[in-house]
Structure formats: C-alpha cells, structure tokens
Amino acid sequence: MDVELLEAWARWLDGQRVDGLRLWGRPILHWGRLGKLLQFAAGLVVVLDLVGARRIHAVARALGGHRWADGVERVRAHNAEYRRRRRLIAARVAVDRAEAVLGEAEDDVRRDRLGPLVGGDWELPGHRGSSARPVDPEREARRQEARAESAAAREAASAPGADRPSRWWGWVALAAIALWLGALLWAVLTG
C-alpha cells in the first residue's frame, strides 16, 4: 500500500508494522537502508571534522607507503616451504615403509630359493639374522643420510619462530573488522 511520509511516520511512532508499506513507489525497506547509508556517511563527516583532514591524510599516506605485498609474499613463501617439508617427510615415510615391505618379500624369496641349498640354515656371512636382508653398506649409508635429512627438516619445521613472518598484520585486520562491525552495530541500534 502506497502511503505518504507523514502517515508512514505516524504509523511507525504508534508502534504499527511498516514493513509492507511503500513510500513514493519504493518499499519502505529501501528507504530504511538508504537512511542507514546516509547516517554512516554523516558519521564519517563527523569523524573527519573531529580528527582533521591532515591527520587522516597522514595516516593514509603511512598506510599507503607500507609494503603490504612483501608481507603477503613472505607468508606465501613460508607456507610453500612448510608444504614442501611436509611432502618430503611423507615421501620419506612412504619409502621407508615400502623398503620394509620389499625387504621382507626379498627375504622370503631368498629363503625359499637358497634354503634348500644350505640345508635350511640362513646364517650366511653378511647377514644380520634369519629374517633380515643382506647389509649393503652404500644403501645403508644413503638410508641413514636420508633419515638424518628428514629429521633435520622435521626439526626445522617445528622450531618455534623459525622463518615465520610477523603476525602484526593479522591483528590490524582483526581490529579493522571489529571497528567495522562496531560501526554496523551502532548504525543498526541507533537507526
């Protein structure tokens, strides 16, 4: 139902519902949103008047001169390095498990093929025992080196403060969001 401004205002002051009314051809909801937008703009004008244009310009210049992209790139580089180290550790664990499984299969094959030749006794020179595969010094050295490297990577990834960028920008973003939500809440409660 299309009404005039004074009639809509009178209904609102009497506590009646005005959400279904139309004012000047538009729903009353649109006019309410426009009023809140104008109220927010008026609040910005008051802040500009209280703080002063020079101070706001100085803050904008200081924020504009900061290299935000460098901080973002440092975070991306840190995350990429962290993911690379995690993949390295996962690959090392997978290789160790595969070597253990293949080693057991290799032992089973040797035991089946060589067992009858030596009368069932598997205590051959160069072996660690009945269920272990022969010790290859080069292969064992590579395994120990890879284990030491993965342990160093795990330790470096879990070290506190190791190559981690400053997190002050997160607090700035949190403060900006809190300020925006506070302004929105103030506009809703007073509007």
N, C-alpha and C. Protein backbone atom coordinates (compact mmCIF):
# COMPACT_ATOMS: atom_id res chain seq x y z
N MET A 1 0.84 -1.16 0.00
CA MET A 1 0.00 0.00 0.00
C MET A 1 0.89 1.23 0.00
N ASP A 2 0.63 2.16 -0.92
CA ASP A 2 1.42 3.38 -1.06
C ASP A 2 0.89 4.43 -0.09
N VAL A 3 1.79 5.00 0.73
CA VAL A 3 1.39 6.00 1.73
C VAL A 3 2.28 7.23 1.60
N GLU A 4 1.90 8.27 2.29
CA GLU A 4 2.69 9.50 2.34
C GLU A 4 3.67 9.40 3.51
N LEU A 5 4.64 10.30 3.52
CA LEU A 5 5.69 10.29 4.53
C LEU A 5 5.11 10.48 5.93
N LEU A 6 4.24 11.46 6.12
CA LEU A 6 3.70 11.72 7.46
C LEU A 6 2.86 10.55 7.97
N GLU A 7 2.12 9.91 7.09
CA GLU A 7 1.32 8.76 7.51
C GLU A 7 2.21 7.58 7.92
N ALA A 8 3.28 7.32 7.14
CA ALA A 8 4.21 6.24 7.49
C ALA A 8 4.90 6.54 8.81
N TRP A 9 5.27 7.80 9.02
CA TRP A 9 5.95 8.17 10.26
C TRP A 9 4.99 8.03 11.44
N ALA A 10 3.76 8.42 11.27
CA ALA A 10 2.77 8.30 12.34
C ALA A 10 2.53 6.83 12.70
N ARG A 11 2.47 5.97 11.71
CA ARG A 11 2.28 4.54 11.98
C ARG A 11 3.48 3.98 12.74
N TRP A 12 4.67 4.40 12.33
CA TRP A 12 5.89 3.91 12.99
C TRP A 12 5.93 4.37 14.44
N LEU A 13 5.56 5.64 14.69
CA LEU A 13 5.56 6.17 16.05
C LEU A 13 4.51 5.48 16.92
N ASP A 14 3.40 5.05 16.33
CA ASP A 14 2.36 4.34 17.09
C ASP A 14 2.73 2.88 17.36
N GLY A 15 3.82 2.41 16.79
CA GLY A 15 4.26 1.03 17.01
C GLY A 15 3.67 0.04 16.04
N GLN A 16 3.03 0.52 14.98
CA GLN A 16 2.47 -0.39 13.99
C GLN A 16 3.58 -0.87 13.04
N ARG A 17 3.32 -1.97 12.37
CA ARG A 17 4.29 -2.51 11.40
C ARG A 17 4.25 -1.68 10.13
N VAL A 18 5.44 -1.34 9.63
CA VAL A 18 5.52 -0.55 8.41
C VAL A 18 6.29 -1.28 7.32
N ASP A 19 6.63 -2.56 7.54
CA ASP A 19 7.47 -3.26 6.58
C ASP A 19 6.77 -3.55 5.26
N GLY A 20 5.48 -3.53 5.20
CA GLY A 20 4.78 -3.79 3.94
C GLY A 20 4.40 -2.53 3.18
N LEU A 21 4.68 -1.37 3.75
CA LEU A 21 4.27 -0.11 3.12
C LEU A 21 5.22 0.28 2.00
N ARG A 22 4.71 1.11 1.09
CA ARG A 22 5.52 1.65 0.00
C ARG A 22 5.47 3.17 0.12
N LEU A 23 6.61 3.80 0.05
CA LEU A 23 6.71 5.25 0.15
C LEU A 23 7.29 5.77 -1.15
N TRP A 24 6.53 6.62 -1.83
CA TRP A 24 6.91 7.20 -3.11
C TRP A 24 7.27 6.11 -4.13
N GLY A 25 6.54 5.02 -4.12
CA GLY A 25 6.70 3.97 -5.11
C GLY A 25 7.75 2.92 -4.78
N ARG A 26 8.46 3.08 -3.69
CA ARG A 26 9.50 2.12 -3.29
C ARG A 26 9.13 1.49 -1.96
N PRO A 27 9.55 0.24 -1.71
CA PRO A 27 9.28 -0.36 -0.40
C PRO A 27 9.98 0.44 0.71
N ILE A 28 9.37 0.46 1.86
CA ILE A 28 9.90 1.22 2.99
C ILE A 28 11.27 0.69 3.42
N LEU A 29 11.53 -0.61 3.14
CA LEU A 29 12.82 -1.20 3.46
C LEU A 29 13.95 -0.50 2.71
N HIS A 30 13.72 -0.16 1.45
CA HIS A 30 14.75 0.54 0.67
C HIS A 30 15.06 1.89 1.29
N TRP A 31 14.03 2.60 1.73
CA TRP A 31 14.26 3.91 2.34
C TRP A 31 15.01 3.77 3.65
N GLY A 32 14.74 2.71 4.38
CA GLY A 32 15.47 2.48 5.63
C GLY A 32 16.95 2.23 5.38
N ARG A 33 17.25 1.42 4.37
CA ARG A 33 18.66 1.16 4.02
C ARG A 33 19.35 2.43 3.55
N LEU A 34 18.65 3.23 2.76
CA LEU A 34 19.22 4.49 2.29
C LEU A 34 19.50 5.42 3.48
N GLY A 35 18.59 5.44 4.44
CA GLY A 35 18.79 6.26 5.63
C GLY A 35 20.01 5.81 6.42
N LYS A 36 20.20 4.50 6.55
CA LYS A 36 21.37 4.00 7.28
C LYS A 36 22.66 4.32 6.55
N LEU A 37 22.64 4.26 5.23
CA LEU A 37 23.81 4.62 4.44
C LEU A 37 24.15 6.09 4.62
N LEU A 38 23.13 6.94 4.59
CA LEU A 38 23.36 8.38 4.79
C LEU A 38 23.84 8.65 6.22
N GLN A 39 23.33 7.90 7.18
CA GLN A 39 23.77 8.06 8.56
C GLN A 39 25.24 7.68 8.70
N PHE A 40 25.66 6.62 8.03
CA PHE A 40 27.06 6.22 8.06
C PHE A 40 27.95 7.29 7.43
N ALA A 41 27.51 7.84 6.29
CA ALA A 41 28.27 8.91 5.65
C ALA A 41 28.36 10.13 6.56
N ALA A 42 27.27 10.44 7.25
CA ALA A 42 27.30 11.58 8.18
C ALA A 42 28.28 11.31 9.32
N GLY A 43 28.34 10.07 9.79
CA GLY A 43 29.31 9.72 10.82
C GLY A 43 30.73 9.91 10.35
N LEU A 44 31.00 9.56 9.10
CA LEU A 44 32.34 9.77 8.55
C LEU A 44 32.67 11.26 8.46
N VAL A 45 31.68 12.07 8.13
CA VAL A 45 31.89 13.53 8.08
C VAL A 45 32.22 14.05 9.47
N VAL A 46 31.53 13.55 10.49
CA VAL A 46 31.81 13.98 11.87
C VAL A 46 33.23 13.57 12.27
N VAL A 47 33.63 12.35 11.93
CA VAL A 47 35.00 11.91 12.23
C VAL A 47 36.01 12.79 11.51
N LEU A 48 35.74 13.11 10.26
CA LEU A 48 36.63 13.99 9.50
C LEU A 48 36.73 15.35 10.17
N ASP A 49 35.62 15.85 10.67
CA ASP A 49 35.62 17.15 11.32
C ASP A 49 36.38 17.10 12.65
N LEU A 50 36.20 16.02 13.42
CA LEU A 50 36.86 15.92 14.72
C LEU A 50 38.36 15.65 14.60
N VAL A 51 38.73 14.73 13.75
CA VAL A 51 40.14 14.34 13.62
C VAL A 51 40.90 15.33 12.77
N GLY A 52 40.32 15.74 11.70
CA GLY A 52 41.00 16.67 10.81
C GLY A 52 41.50 15.98 9.56
N ALA A 53 41.43 16.71 8.47
CA ALA A 53 41.81 16.13 7.18
C ALA A 53 43.30 15.84 7.11
N ARG A 54 44.12 16.69 7.74
CA ARG A 54 45.58 16.47 7.67
C ARG A 54 45.99 15.17 8.35
N ARG A 55 45.41 14.91 9.52
CA ARG A 55 45.77 13.68 10.23
C ARG A 55 45.31 12.45 9.46
N ILE A 56 44.11 12.50 8.93
CA ILE A 56 43.62 11.36 8.14
C ILE A 56 44.49 11.16 6.91
N HIS A 57 44.89 12.26 6.28
CA HIS A 57 45.76 12.16 5.11
C HIS A 57 47.12 11.56 5.50
N ALA A 58 47.65 11.95 6.67
CA ALA A 58 48.93 11.40 7.13
C ALA A 58 48.82 9.90 7.39
N VAL A 59 47.72 9.47 8.00
CA VAL A 59 47.52 8.04 8.24
C VAL A 59 47.40 7.29 6.92
N ALA A 60 46.66 7.86 5.98
CA ALA A 60 46.50 7.21 4.67
C ALA A 60 47.84 7.11 3.95
N ARG A 61 48.66 8.18 4.06
CA ARG A 61 49.98 8.16 3.43
C ARG A 61 50.86 7.09 4.08
N ALA A 62 50.80 7.00 5.41
CA ALA A 62 51.61 5.99 6.11
C ALA A 62 51.17 4.57 5.73
N LEU A 63 49.86 4.37 5.65
CA LEU A 63 49.37 3.04 5.26
C LEU A 63 49.67 2.75 3.80
N GLY A 64 49.60 3.77 2.96
CA GLY A 64 49.87 3.57 1.54
C GLY A 64 51.33 3.31 1.26
N GLY A 65 52.22 3.84 2.10
CA GLY A 65 53.65 3.63 1.91
C GLY A 65 54.12 2.28 2.39
N HIS A 66 53.30 1.60 3.17
CA HIS A 66 53.70 0.29 3.68
C HIS A 66 53.63 -0.74 2.56
N ARG A 67 54.56 -1.65 2.58
CA ARG A 67 54.60 -2.68 1.54
C ARG A 67 53.80 -3.89 2.00
N TRP A 68 52.52 -3.87 1.73
CA TRP A 68 51.66 -4.98 2.12
C TRP A 68 52.01 -6.24 1.34
N ALA A 69 52.41 -6.06 0.09
CA ALA A 69 52.68 -7.22 -0.76
C ALA A 69 53.87 -8.02 -0.24
N ASP A 70 54.87 -7.33 0.35
CA ASP A 70 56.03 -8.06 0.88
C ASP A 70 55.62 -9.01 1.99
N GLY A 71 54.74 -8.55 2.88
CA GLY A 71 54.28 -9.41 3.96
C GLY A 71 53.51 -10.61 3.43
N VAL A 72 52.68 -10.37 2.43
CA VAL A 72 51.90 -11.46 1.84
C VAL A 72 52.84 -12.46 1.17
N GLU A 73 53.84 -11.96 0.47
CA GLU A 73 54.79 -12.86 -0.20
C GLU A 73 55.59 -13.67 0.81
N ARG A 74 55.96 -13.04 1.95
CA ARG A 74 56.69 -13.80 2.98
C ARG A 74 55.82 -14.92 3.53
N VAL A 75 54.55 -14.64 3.74
CA VAL A 75 53.64 -15.68 4.25
C VAL A 75 53.49 -16.79 3.23
N ARG A 76 53.32 -16.42 1.96
CA ARG A 76 53.19 -17.45 0.91
C ARG A 76 54.45 -18.30 0.80
N ALA A 77 55.63 -17.65 0.89
CA ALA A 77 56.88 -18.40 0.81
C ALA A 77 57.02 -19.35 2.00
N HIS A 78 56.65 -18.88 3.18
CA HIS A 78 56.72 -19.73 4.37
C HIS A 78 55.78 -20.93 4.22
N ASN A 79 54.56 -20.68 3.76
CA ASN A 79 53.59 -21.77 3.59
C ASN A 79 54.07 -22.77 2.54
N ALA A 80 54.66 -22.28 1.45
CA ALA A 80 55.17 -23.19 0.42
C ALA A 80 56.31 -24.05 0.96
N GLU A 81 57.21 -23.44 1.74
CA GLU A 81 58.31 -24.19 2.33
C GLU A 81 57.78 -25.23 3.32
N TYR A 82 56.79 -24.85 4.11
CA TYR A 82 56.19 -25.78 5.07
C TYR A 82 55.56 -26.96 4.34
N ARG A 83 54.81 -26.68 3.26
CA ARG A 83 54.19 -27.77 2.50
C ARG A 83 55.25 -28.66 1.85
N ARG A 84 56.34 -28.05 1.35
CA ARG A 84 57.42 -28.83 0.74
C ARG A 84 58.05 -29.77 1.77
N ARG A 85 58.29 -29.27 2.97
CA ARG A 85 58.88 -30.10 4.02
C ARG A 85 57.94 -31.23 4.42
N ARG A 86 56.65 -30.94 4.50
CA ARG A 86 55.69 -31.99 4.85
C ARG A 86 55.65 -33.07 3.78
N ARG A 87 55.70 -32.66 2.49
CA ARG A 87 55.71 -33.66 1.42
C ARG A 87 56.98 -34.50 1.48
N LEU A 88 58.12 -33.87 1.80
CA LEU A 88 59.38 -34.59 1.91
C LEU A 88 59.30 -35.63 3.03
N ILE A 89 58.75 -35.23 4.15
CA ILE A 89 58.61 -36.15 5.28
C ILE A 89 57.67 -37.30 4.92
N ALA A 90 56.55 -36.98 4.28
CA ALA A 90 55.59 -38.03 3.89
C ALA A 90 56.22 -38.99 2.89
N ALA A 91 56.99 -38.46 1.94
CA ALA A 91 57.65 -39.32 0.96
C ALA A 91 58.68 -40.22 1.64
N ARG A 92 59.42 -39.65 2.60
CA ARG A 92 60.44 -40.43 3.30
C ARG A 92 59.78 -41.58 4.09
N VAL A 93 58.67 -41.30 4.74
CA VAL A 93 57.96 -42.34 5.49
C VAL A 93 57.45 -43.42 4.54
N ALA A 94 56.91 -43.00 3.39
CA ALA A 94 56.40 -43.97 2.42
C ALA A 94 57.53 -44.85 1.89
N VAL A 95 58.68 -44.25 1.60
CA VAL A 95 59.82 -45.03 1.10
C VAL A 95 60.31 -46.00 2.17
N ASP A 96 60.40 -45.54 3.42
CA ASP A 96 60.83 -46.44 4.49
C ASP A 96 59.88 -47.63 4.64
N ARG A 97 58.59 -47.37 4.57
CA ARG A 97 57.62 -48.46 4.70
C ARG A 97 57.70 -49.41 3.51
N ALA A 98 57.86 -48.85 2.31
CA ALA A 98 57.98 -49.70 1.12
C ALA A 98 59.24 -50.55 1.19
N GLU A 99 60.35 -49.96 1.66
CA GLU A 99 61.59 -50.73 1.78
C GLU A 99 61.42 -51.87 2.79
N ALA A 100 60.70 -51.60 3.86
CA ALA A 100 60.49 -52.66 4.85
C ALA A 100 59.67 -53.80 4.26
N VAL A 101 58.61 -53.46 3.53
CA VAL A 101 57.76 -54.49 2.93
C VAL A 101 58.53 -55.26 1.86
N LEU A 102 59.25 -54.52 0.99
CA LEU A 102 60.01 -55.19 -0.07
C LEU A 102 61.15 -56.01 0.50
N GLY A 103 61.74 -55.52 1.58
CA GLY A 103 62.82 -56.27 2.22
C GLY A 103 62.33 -57.60 2.76
N GLU A 104 61.15 -57.59 3.37
CA GLU A 104 60.58 -58.84 3.87
C GLU A 104 60.28 -59.79 2.71
N ALA A 105 59.76 -59.27 1.61
CA ALA A 105 59.48 -60.11 0.44
C ALA A 105 60.77 -60.67 -0.13
N GLU A 106 61.81 -59.84 -0.16
CA GLU A 106 63.11 -60.29 -0.67
C GLU A 106 63.67 -61.41 0.21
N ASP A 107 63.52 -61.24 1.51
CA ASP A 107 63.97 -62.29 2.43
C ASP A 107 63.22 -63.59 2.20
N ASP A 108 61.92 -63.49 1.98
CA ASP A 108 61.13 -64.70 1.73
C ASP A 108 61.59 -65.40 0.46
N VAL A 109 61.88 -64.64 -0.61
CA VAL A 109 62.34 -65.24 -1.86
C VAL A 109 63.69 -65.91 -1.66
N ARG A 110 64.62 -65.24 -0.99
CA ARG A 110 65.94 -65.82 -0.77
C ARG A 110 65.85 -67.08 0.09
N ARG A 111 65.00 -67.01 1.09
CA ARG A 111 64.86 -68.15 1.99
C ARG A 111 64.30 -69.35 1.22
N ASP A 112 63.34 -69.07 0.33
CA ASP A 112 62.75 -70.17 -0.44
C ASP A 112 63.74 -70.73 -1.44
N ARG A 113 64.54 -69.87 -2.07
CA ARG A 113 65.45 -70.36 -3.11
C ARG A 113 66.75 -70.91 -2.54
N LEU A 114 67.29 -70.23 -1.52
CA LEU A 114 68.59 -70.64 -1.00
C LEU A 114 68.49 -71.60 0.18
N GLY A 115 67.32 -71.65 0.80
CA GLY A 115 67.17 -72.51 1.98
C GLY A 115 67.54 -73.96 1.73
N PRO A 116 67.04 -74.57 0.65
CA PRO A 116 67.41 -75.97 0.42
C PRO A 116 68.90 -76.16 0.11
N LEU A 117 69.54 -75.11 -0.46
CA LEU A 117 70.95 -75.25 -0.81
C LEU A 117 71.85 -75.28 0.42
N VAL A 118 71.46 -74.57 1.45
CA VAL A 118 72.30 -74.53 2.65
C VAL A 118 71.72 -75.38 3.78
N GLY A 119 70.78 -76.22 3.45
CA GLY A 119 70.22 -77.13 4.44
C GLY A 119 69.26 -76.44 5.40
N GLY A 120 68.64 -75.33 4.97
CA GLY A 120 67.67 -74.65 5.82
C GLY A 120 68.28 -73.67 6.79
N ASP A 121 69.61 -73.60 6.87
CA ASP A 121 70.26 -72.67 7.80
C ASP A 121 70.50 -71.35 7.07
N TRP A 122 69.98 -70.24 7.60
CA TRP A 122 70.08 -68.94 6.93
C TRP A 122 71.14 -68.06 7.55
N GLU A 123 72.03 -68.60 8.32
CA GLU A 123 73.10 -67.81 8.91
C GLU A 123 74.25 -67.73 7.92
N LEU A 124 74.09 -66.92 6.90
CA LEU A 124 75.12 -66.74 5.89
C LEU A 124 75.97 -65.53 6.24
N PRO A 125 77.21 -65.49 5.79
CA PRO A 125 78.06 -64.32 6.05
C PRO A 125 77.46 -63.07 5.39
N GLY A 126 77.51 -61.94 6.10
CA GLY A 126 76.99 -60.68 5.56
C GLY A 126 75.53 -60.45 5.87
N HIS A 127 74.93 -61.35 6.65
CA HIS A 127 73.53 -61.19 7.02
C HIS A 127 73.41 -60.89 8.50
N ARG A 128 72.33 -60.19 8.86
CA ARG A 128 72.12 -59.82 10.25
C ARG A 128 71.32 -60.86 11.02
N GLY A 129 70.72 -61.74 10.36
CA GLY A 129 69.93 -62.74 11.06
C GLY A 129 69.01 -63.46 10.11
N SER A 130 68.18 -64.30 10.65
CA SER A 130 67.37 -65.15 9.80
C SER A 130 66.26 -64.38 9.08
N SER A 131 65.82 -63.23 9.61
CA SER A 131 64.72 -62.54 8.96
C SER A 131 65.15 -61.21 8.32
N ALA A 132 66.44 -60.95 8.24
CA ALA A 132 66.91 -59.68 7.70
C ALA A 132 67.57 -59.90 6.35
N ARG A 133 67.54 -58.88 5.52
CA ARG A 133 68.19 -58.97 4.22
C ARG A 133 69.67 -58.62 4.37
N PRO A 134 70.48 -58.94 3.38
CA PRO A 134 71.91 -58.64 3.46
C PRO A 134 72.16 -57.14 3.60
N VAL A 135 73.22 -56.81 4.31
CA VAL A 135 73.55 -55.40 4.55
C VAL A 135 74.37 -54.90 3.37
N ASP A 136 73.84 -53.88 2.69
CA ASP A 136 74.56 -53.22 1.61
C ASP A 136 75.07 -51.90 2.19
N PRO A 137 76.38 -51.73 2.34
CA PRO A 137 76.90 -50.53 3.01
C PRO A 137 76.50 -49.22 2.32
N GLU A 138 76.53 -49.20 0.99
CA GLU A 138 76.16 -47.97 0.28
C GLU A 138 74.68 -47.63 0.49
N ARG A 139 73.86 -48.65 0.36
CA ARG A 139 72.41 -48.43 0.54
C ARG A 139 72.10 -48.01 1.98
N GLU A 140 72.75 -48.64 2.93
CA GLU A 140 72.53 -48.29 4.34
C GLU A 140 72.99 -46.86 4.62
N ALA A 141 74.11 -46.44 4.01
CA ALA A 141 74.59 -45.06 4.19
C ALA A 141 73.59 -44.07 3.60
N ARG A 142 73.04 -44.38 2.42
CA ARG A 142 72.03 -43.49 1.82
C ARG A 142 70.79 -43.39 2.70
N ARG A 143 70.37 -44.52 3.25
CA ARG A 143 69.19 -44.51 4.12
C ARG A 143 69.44 -43.67 5.37
N GLN A 144 70.61 -43.83 5.97
CA GLN A 144 70.92 -43.04 7.17
C GLN A 144 70.98 -41.55 6.85
N GLU A 145 71.55 -41.22 5.69
CA GLU A 145 71.63 -39.81 5.28
C GLU A 145 70.23 -39.23 5.04
N ALA A 146 69.37 -40.01 4.38
CA ALA A 146 68.00 -39.54 4.13
C ALA A 146 67.23 -39.40 5.43
N ARG A 147 67.43 -40.33 6.36
CA ARG A 147 66.76 -40.21 7.66
C ARG A 147 67.23 -38.98 8.42
N ALA A 148 68.54 -38.71 8.37
CA ALA A 148 69.07 -37.52 9.06
C ALA A 148 68.51 -36.25 8.43
N GLU A 149 68.41 -36.24 7.09
CA GLU A 149 67.87 -35.06 6.40
C GLU A 149 66.40 -34.84 6.75
N SER A 150 65.61 -35.92 6.76
CA SER A 150 64.19 -35.76 7.09
C SER A 150 64.02 -35.37 8.55
N ALA A 151 64.87 -35.88 9.44
CA ALA A 151 64.79 -35.48 10.85
C ALA A 151 65.13 -34.00 11.00
N ALA A 152 66.15 -33.54 10.25
CA ALA A 152 66.50 -32.12 10.31
C ALA A 152 65.38 -31.26 9.75
N ALA A 153 64.73 -31.72 8.68
CA ALA A 153 63.61 -30.97 8.11
C ALA A 153 62.44 -30.92 9.09
N ARG A 154 62.16 -32.04 9.76
CA ARG A 154 61.08 -32.05 10.76
C ARG A 154 61.40 -31.10 11.90
N GLU A 155 62.65 -31.12 12.35
CA GLU A 155 63.04 -30.25 13.46
C GLU A 155 62.98 -28.78 13.06
N ALA A 156 63.41 -28.48 11.83
CA ALA A 156 63.36 -27.08 11.37
C ALA A 156 61.93 -26.61 11.19
N ALA A 157 61.05 -27.51 10.74
CA ALA A 157 59.65 -27.13 10.53
C ALA A 157 58.93 -26.91 11.85
N SER A 158 59.36 -27.61 12.89
CA SER A 158 58.66 -27.48 14.17
C SER A 158 59.35 -26.52 15.13
N ALA A 159 60.47 -25.92 14.73
CA ALA A 159 61.17 -24.99 15.62
C ALA A 159 60.34 -23.73 15.82
N PRO A 160 60.22 -23.26 17.07
CA PRO A 160 59.41 -22.05 17.30
C PRO A 160 60.08 -20.82 16.70
N GLY A 161 59.33 -20.09 15.89
CA GLY A 161 59.82 -18.84 15.31
C GLY A 161 60.76 -19.02 14.14
N ALA A 162 60.90 -20.22 13.61
CA ALA A 162 61.83 -20.45 12.51
C ALA A 162 61.25 -19.93 11.20
N ASP A 163 61.85 -18.92 10.63
CA ASP A 163 61.45 -18.35 9.33
C ASP A 163 59.96 -18.05 9.27
N ARG A 164 59.40 -17.60 10.35
CA ARG A 164 57.98 -17.26 10.34
C ARG A 164 57.82 -15.76 10.30
N PRO A 165 56.96 -15.26 9.43
CA PRO A 165 56.78 -13.81 9.34
C PRO A 165 56.03 -13.27 10.55
N SER A 166 56.16 -11.98 10.74
CA SER A 166 55.46 -11.31 11.83
C SER A 166 53.96 -11.40 11.61
N ARG A 167 53.21 -11.50 12.69
CA ARG A 167 51.77 -11.65 12.56
C ARG A 167 51.04 -10.37 12.94
N TRP A 168 51.71 -9.22 12.94
CA TRP A 168 51.05 -7.98 13.33
C TRP A 168 49.95 -7.61 12.35
N TRP A 169 50.09 -7.98 11.08
CA TRP A 169 49.08 -7.63 10.08
C TRP A 169 47.76 -8.32 10.39
N GLY A 170 47.80 -9.48 11.03
CA GLY A 170 46.58 -10.17 11.41
C GLY A 170 45.81 -9.40 12.47
N TRP A 171 46.56 -8.81 13.41
CA TRP A 171 45.91 -8.00 14.44
C TRP A 171 45.31 -6.74 13.85
N VAL A 172 45.99 -6.16 12.86
CA VAL A 172 45.45 -4.97 12.20
C VAL A 172 44.15 -5.32 11.49
N ALA A 173 44.13 -6.44 10.79
CA ALA A 173 42.91 -6.86 10.09
C ALA A 173 41.79 -7.15 11.09
N LEU A 174 42.13 -7.78 12.20
CA LEU A 174 41.12 -8.07 13.23
C LEU A 174 40.55 -6.78 13.81
N ALA A 175 41.42 -5.79 14.06
CA ALA A 175 40.94 -4.51 14.58
C ALA A 175 40.05 -3.81 13.57
N ALA A 176 40.40 -3.88 12.28
CA ALA A 176 39.57 -3.25 11.25
C ALA A 176 38.20 -3.91 11.17
N ILE A 177 38.16 -5.23 11.25
CA ILE A 177 36.88 -5.94 11.21
C ILE A 177 36.05 -5.60 12.44
N ALA A 178 36.69 -5.54 13.61
CA ALA A 178 35.96 -5.19 14.83
C ALA A 178 35.41 -3.77 14.75
N LEU A 179 36.20 -2.85 14.21
CA LEU A 179 35.73 -1.47 14.05
C LEU A 179 34.55 -1.41 13.10
N TRP A 180 34.63 -2.14 12.00
CA TRP A 180 33.54 -2.15 11.02
C TRP A 180 32.27 -2.75 11.63
N LEU A 181 32.43 -3.87 12.36
CA LEU A 181 31.26 -4.49 13.00
C LEU A 181 30.66 -3.58 14.07
N GLY A 182 31.52 -2.87 14.81
CA GLY A 182 31.03 -1.92 15.80
C GLY A 182 30.23 -0.80 15.17
N ALA A 183 30.74 -0.27 14.04
CA ALA A 183 30.02 0.80 13.34
C ALA A 183 28.69 0.28 12.80
N LEU A 184 28.69 -0.93 12.28
CA LEU A 184 27.46 -1.52 11.76
C LEU A 184 26.45 -1.73 12.89
N LEU A 185 26.91 -2.25 14.02
CA LEU A 185 26.02 -2.46 15.16
C LEU A 185 25.47 -1.13 15.67
N TRP A 186 26.32 -0.12 15.74
CA TRP A 186 25.88 1.21 16.18
C TRP A 186 24.82 1.76 15.23
N ALA A 187 25.03 1.59 13.92
CA ALA A 187 24.07 2.09 12.94
C ALA A 187 22.73 1.35 13.06
N VAL A 188 22.80 0.05 13.31
CA VAL A 188 21.56 -0.73 13.43
C VAL A 188 20.80 -0.35 14.70
N LEU A 189 21.53 -0.20 15.80
CA LEU A 189 20.87 0.10 17.07
C LEU A 189 20.33 1.52 17.14
N THR A 190 21.00 2.45 16.49
CA THR A 190 20.54 3.84 16.56
C THR A 190 19.64 4.20 15.39
N GLY A 191 19.61 3.37 14.37
CA GLY A 191 18.83 3.70 13.18
C GLY A 191 17.53 3.01 13.23
